[in-house]
Structures are given as C-alpha cells and as structure tokens.
Amino acid sequence: MAFIRKRGQSYYLVHNVREDGRVRQIHLARLGRRPRISDDVVRGVASRHPFVEVDWEELRKKASSELVQPFENDARQLRNLLTSIHNLHLDIGDLHLPVLEMTHDKELIAELTSSLKLLRATLDVKLNQLRRGRAQPYAG
C-alpha cells in the first residue's frame, strides 16, 4: 500500500516492495513542499505504476488532516507563501495582454484566462473568510 513520506523539505508518495527478503521503497511521485495529491499525480502514478494498489481517498484524507498544517507552527511556510504571492503579483503585472492576443496559440490564451479566473475566485473566497472572521489574520 502506498503512503506519504517526508524527506528533507519535500513530501513523496512511496510504496514498499519486498525483494529477496529485503524491503525496497519505490518512489511513486514527488508531491512537493506540501503533500498535495492532485488529479495529475493520480494519473501519473496510475500510468507509471499500474500494478501498485493505492487508496487515493484515504491518502487525500490523511494528507489534509494530519500532514497539511503548514502555517500553524511554521512562520517560514507563511513567508514562502508571501514571497510566492509577491512574485506572482509581479509576473501577472508584467503580462502585456494586447501582445498576448496576437499569439497564434489560442488554446494557451484560453488556459491563461481560465487560470486567472480561478485565481480570482480562490482569492475572493479566502478574503471573504478573513472578513467573516473564519481565518484570523496574524496579529504579531
């Protein structure tokens, strides 16, 4: 059965196999700094390791309840998130949308538009949670 393991600053999805009486770990996927199990991870593992039994529902539940408490006691995680937000803000600000519309890759433009809309919706949800007091801003 597959499980999540942290090594250094990254999380991995691994599976133990017994060969000649010894246990060897197979790395199924690198999950990153936080153990997110996306649909892309599921598809990738299923295609590369079709014979490995994985309880995706249980892994996602465990990742969200036990492993993902990134900001509770780790200000470094919050600083990294703030840096990422700042960099994303600059990158989006540097986009020249009229020039992008001249590109021949209409599918890429549609994907960018969709991603920006999703980002806006996510930000709206989080900001509304802050306004309602569900997530208390840090007052330190």
Protein backbone atom coordinates (compact mmCIF):
# COMPACT_ATOMS: atom_id res chain seq x y z
CA MET A 1 0.00 0.00 0.00
CA ALA A 2 1.31 3.46 -0.89
CA PHE A 3 1.97 6.09 1.78
CA ILE A 4 3.31 9.64 2.12
CA ARG A 5 6.82 10.21 3.40
CA LYS A 6 8.67 13.44 4.14
CA ARG A 7 12.33 13.67 3.24
CA GLY A 8 14.05 16.99 3.76
CA GLN A 9 11.65 19.73 2.77
CA SER A 10 9.65 17.61 0.29
CA TYR A 11 6.91 15.01 0.51
CA TYR A 12 6.91 11.85 -1.60
CA LEU A 13 4.39 9.16 -2.39
CA VAL A 14 6.17 5.84 -1.85
CA HIS A 15 5.38 2.14 -1.86
CA ASN A 16 7.31 -0.68 -0.18
CA VAL A 17 8.11 -3.87 -2.08
CA ARG A 18 9.80 -6.95 -0.72
CA GLU A 19 12.56 -8.41 -2.89
CA ASP A 20 14.72 -11.32 -1.75
CA GLY A 21 13.59 -10.83 1.83
CA ARG A 22 14.50 -7.14 1.84
CA VAL A 23 12.22 -4.12 1.70
CA ARG A 24 12.81 -1.58 -1.05
CA GLN A 25 10.92 1.68 -1.46
CA ILE A 26 9.58 2.71 -4.84
CA HIS A 27 9.12 6.46 -5.24
CA LEU A 28 5.79 6.85 -7.00
CA ALA A 29 5.66 10.65 -7.09
CA ARG A 30 7.22 13.78 -5.65
CA LEU A 31 4.42 15.78 -4.02
CA GLY A 32 6.39 18.93 -3.23
CA ARG A 33 6.75 21.05 -0.12
CA ARG A 34 3.19 20.22 0.89
CA PRO A 35 1.65 16.81 0.23
CA ARG A 36 -0.94 17.69 -2.39
CA ILE A 37 -2.42 14.77 -4.26
CA SER A 38 -3.80 16.28 -7.44
CA ASP A 39 -5.58 14.52 -10.27
CA ASP A 40 -2.34 14.84 -12.28
CA VAL A 41 -0.47 12.90 -9.57
CA VAL A 42 -3.15 10.19 -9.61
CA ARG A 43 -2.98 9.88 -13.40
CA GLY A 44 0.82 9.88 -13.42
CA VAL A 45 1.13 7.18 -10.77
CA ALA A 46 -1.58 5.06 -12.38
CA SER A 47 0.16 5.19 -15.76
CA ARG A 48 3.74 4.64 -14.49
CA HIS A 49 2.89 2.08 -11.79
CA PRO A 50 -0.35 0.34 -12.85
CA PHE A 51 0.13 -2.64 -10.52
CA VAL A 52 0.57 -0.62 -7.32
CA GLU A 53 -2.56 -0.53 -5.17
CA VAL A 54 -3.30 2.98 -3.95
CA ASP A 55 -6.20 4.10 -1.76
CA TRP A 56 -6.38 7.65 -3.10
CA GLU A 57 -9.31 8.67 -0.91
CA GLU A 58 -7.50 7.61 2.26
CA LEU A 59 -4.24 9.26 1.17
CA ARG A 60 -6.00 12.54 0.40
CA LYS A 61 -7.80 12.41 3.75
CA LYS A 62 -4.56 11.73 5.62
CA ALA A 63 -2.70 14.44 3.73
CA SER A 64 -5.33 17.06 4.51
CA SER A 65 -5.96 16.14 8.14
CA GLU A 66 -2.58 15.06 9.51
CA LEU A 67 0.16 16.29 7.24
CA VAL A 68 -1.02 19.65 6.00
CA GLN A 69 -0.86 22.07 8.87
CA PRO A 70 1.65 24.30 7.09
CA PHE A 71 1.11 27.63 8.82
CA GLU A 72 0.12 26.53 12.30
CA ASN A 73 3.61 26.49 13.83
CA ASP A 74 5.83 27.33 10.88
CA ALA A 75 6.24 31.00 10.04
CA ARG A 76 8.76 30.03 7.35
CA GLN A 77 5.96 28.39 5.33
CA LEU A 78 3.93 31.60 5.57
CA ARG A 79 6.94 33.69 4.49
CA ASN A 80 7.45 31.38 1.50
CA LEU A 81 3.79 31.77 0.56
CA LEU A 82 4.05 35.56 0.83
CA THR A 83 7.13 35.51 -1.42
CA SER A 84 5.26 33.38 -3.96
CA ILE A 85 2.27 35.75 -3.86
CA HIS A 86 4.57 38.74 -4.36
CA ASN A 87 6.33 37.09 -7.32
CA LEU A 88 3.01 36.07 -8.87
CA HIS A 89 1.74 39.63 -8.46
CA LEU A 90 4.79 40.95 -10.33
CA ASP A 91 4.53 38.29 -13.06
CA ILE A 92 0.85 38.99 -13.67
CA GLY A 93 1.52 42.73 -13.64
CA ASP A 94 4.18 42.27 -16.33
CA LEU A 95 1.78 40.46 -18.69
CA HIS A 96 1.06 42.53 -21.78
CA LEU A 97 -2.39 41.26 -22.67
CA PRO A 98 -2.72 43.05 -26.05
CA VAL A 99 0.52 41.38 -27.19
CA LEU A 100 -0.68 38.01 -25.88
CA GLU A 101 -3.82 38.26 -28.01
CA MET A 102 -1.62 38.38 -31.13
CA THR A 103 -0.14 34.96 -30.38
CA HIS A 104 -1.19 32.04 -32.54
CA ASP A 105 -1.72 29.70 -29.59
CA LYS A 106 -5.37 30.41 -28.79
CA GLU A 107 -5.55 27.36 -26.51
CA LEU A 108 -2.78 28.79 -24.33
CA ILE A 109 -4.60 32.12 -24.04
CA ALA A 110 -7.81 30.32 -23.08
CA GLU A 111 -5.92 28.35 -20.42
CA LEU A 112 -4.35 31.54 -19.05
CA THR A 113 -7.75 33.22 -18.91
CA SER A 114 -9.26 30.24 -17.13
CA SER A 115 -6.39 30.13 -14.61
CA LEU A 116 -6.69 33.84 -13.87
CA LYS A 117 -10.44 33.45 -13.27
CA LEU A 118 -9.81 30.51 -10.94
CA LEU A 119 -7.18 32.53 -9.07
CA ARG A 120 -9.63 35.42 -8.69
CA ALA A 121 -12.33 33.08 -7.36
CA THR A 122 -9.93 31.49 -4.87
CA LEU A 123 -8.77 34.90 -3.66
CA ASP A 124 -12.39 36.06 -3.27
CA VAL A 125 -13.20 33.00 -1.13
CA LYS A 126 -10.15 33.50 1.11
CA LEU A 127 -10.71 37.23 1.51
CA ASN A 128 -14.37 36.64 2.40
CA GLN A 129 -13.28 34.11 5.02
CA LEU A 130 -10.97 36.74 6.52
CA ARG A 131 -13.78 39.32 6.56
CA ARG A 132 -16.15 36.90 8.31
CA GLY A 133 -13.54 36.01 10.91
CA ARG A 134 -13.12 32.34 9.95
CA ALA A 135 -9.42 32.79 9.41
CA GLN A 136 -7.89 35.20 11.85
CA PRO A 137 -5.10 37.33 10.40
CA TYR A 138 -1.83 37.15 12.25
CA ALA A 139 -1.56 40.00 14.73
CA GLY A 140 2.02 39.74 15.75
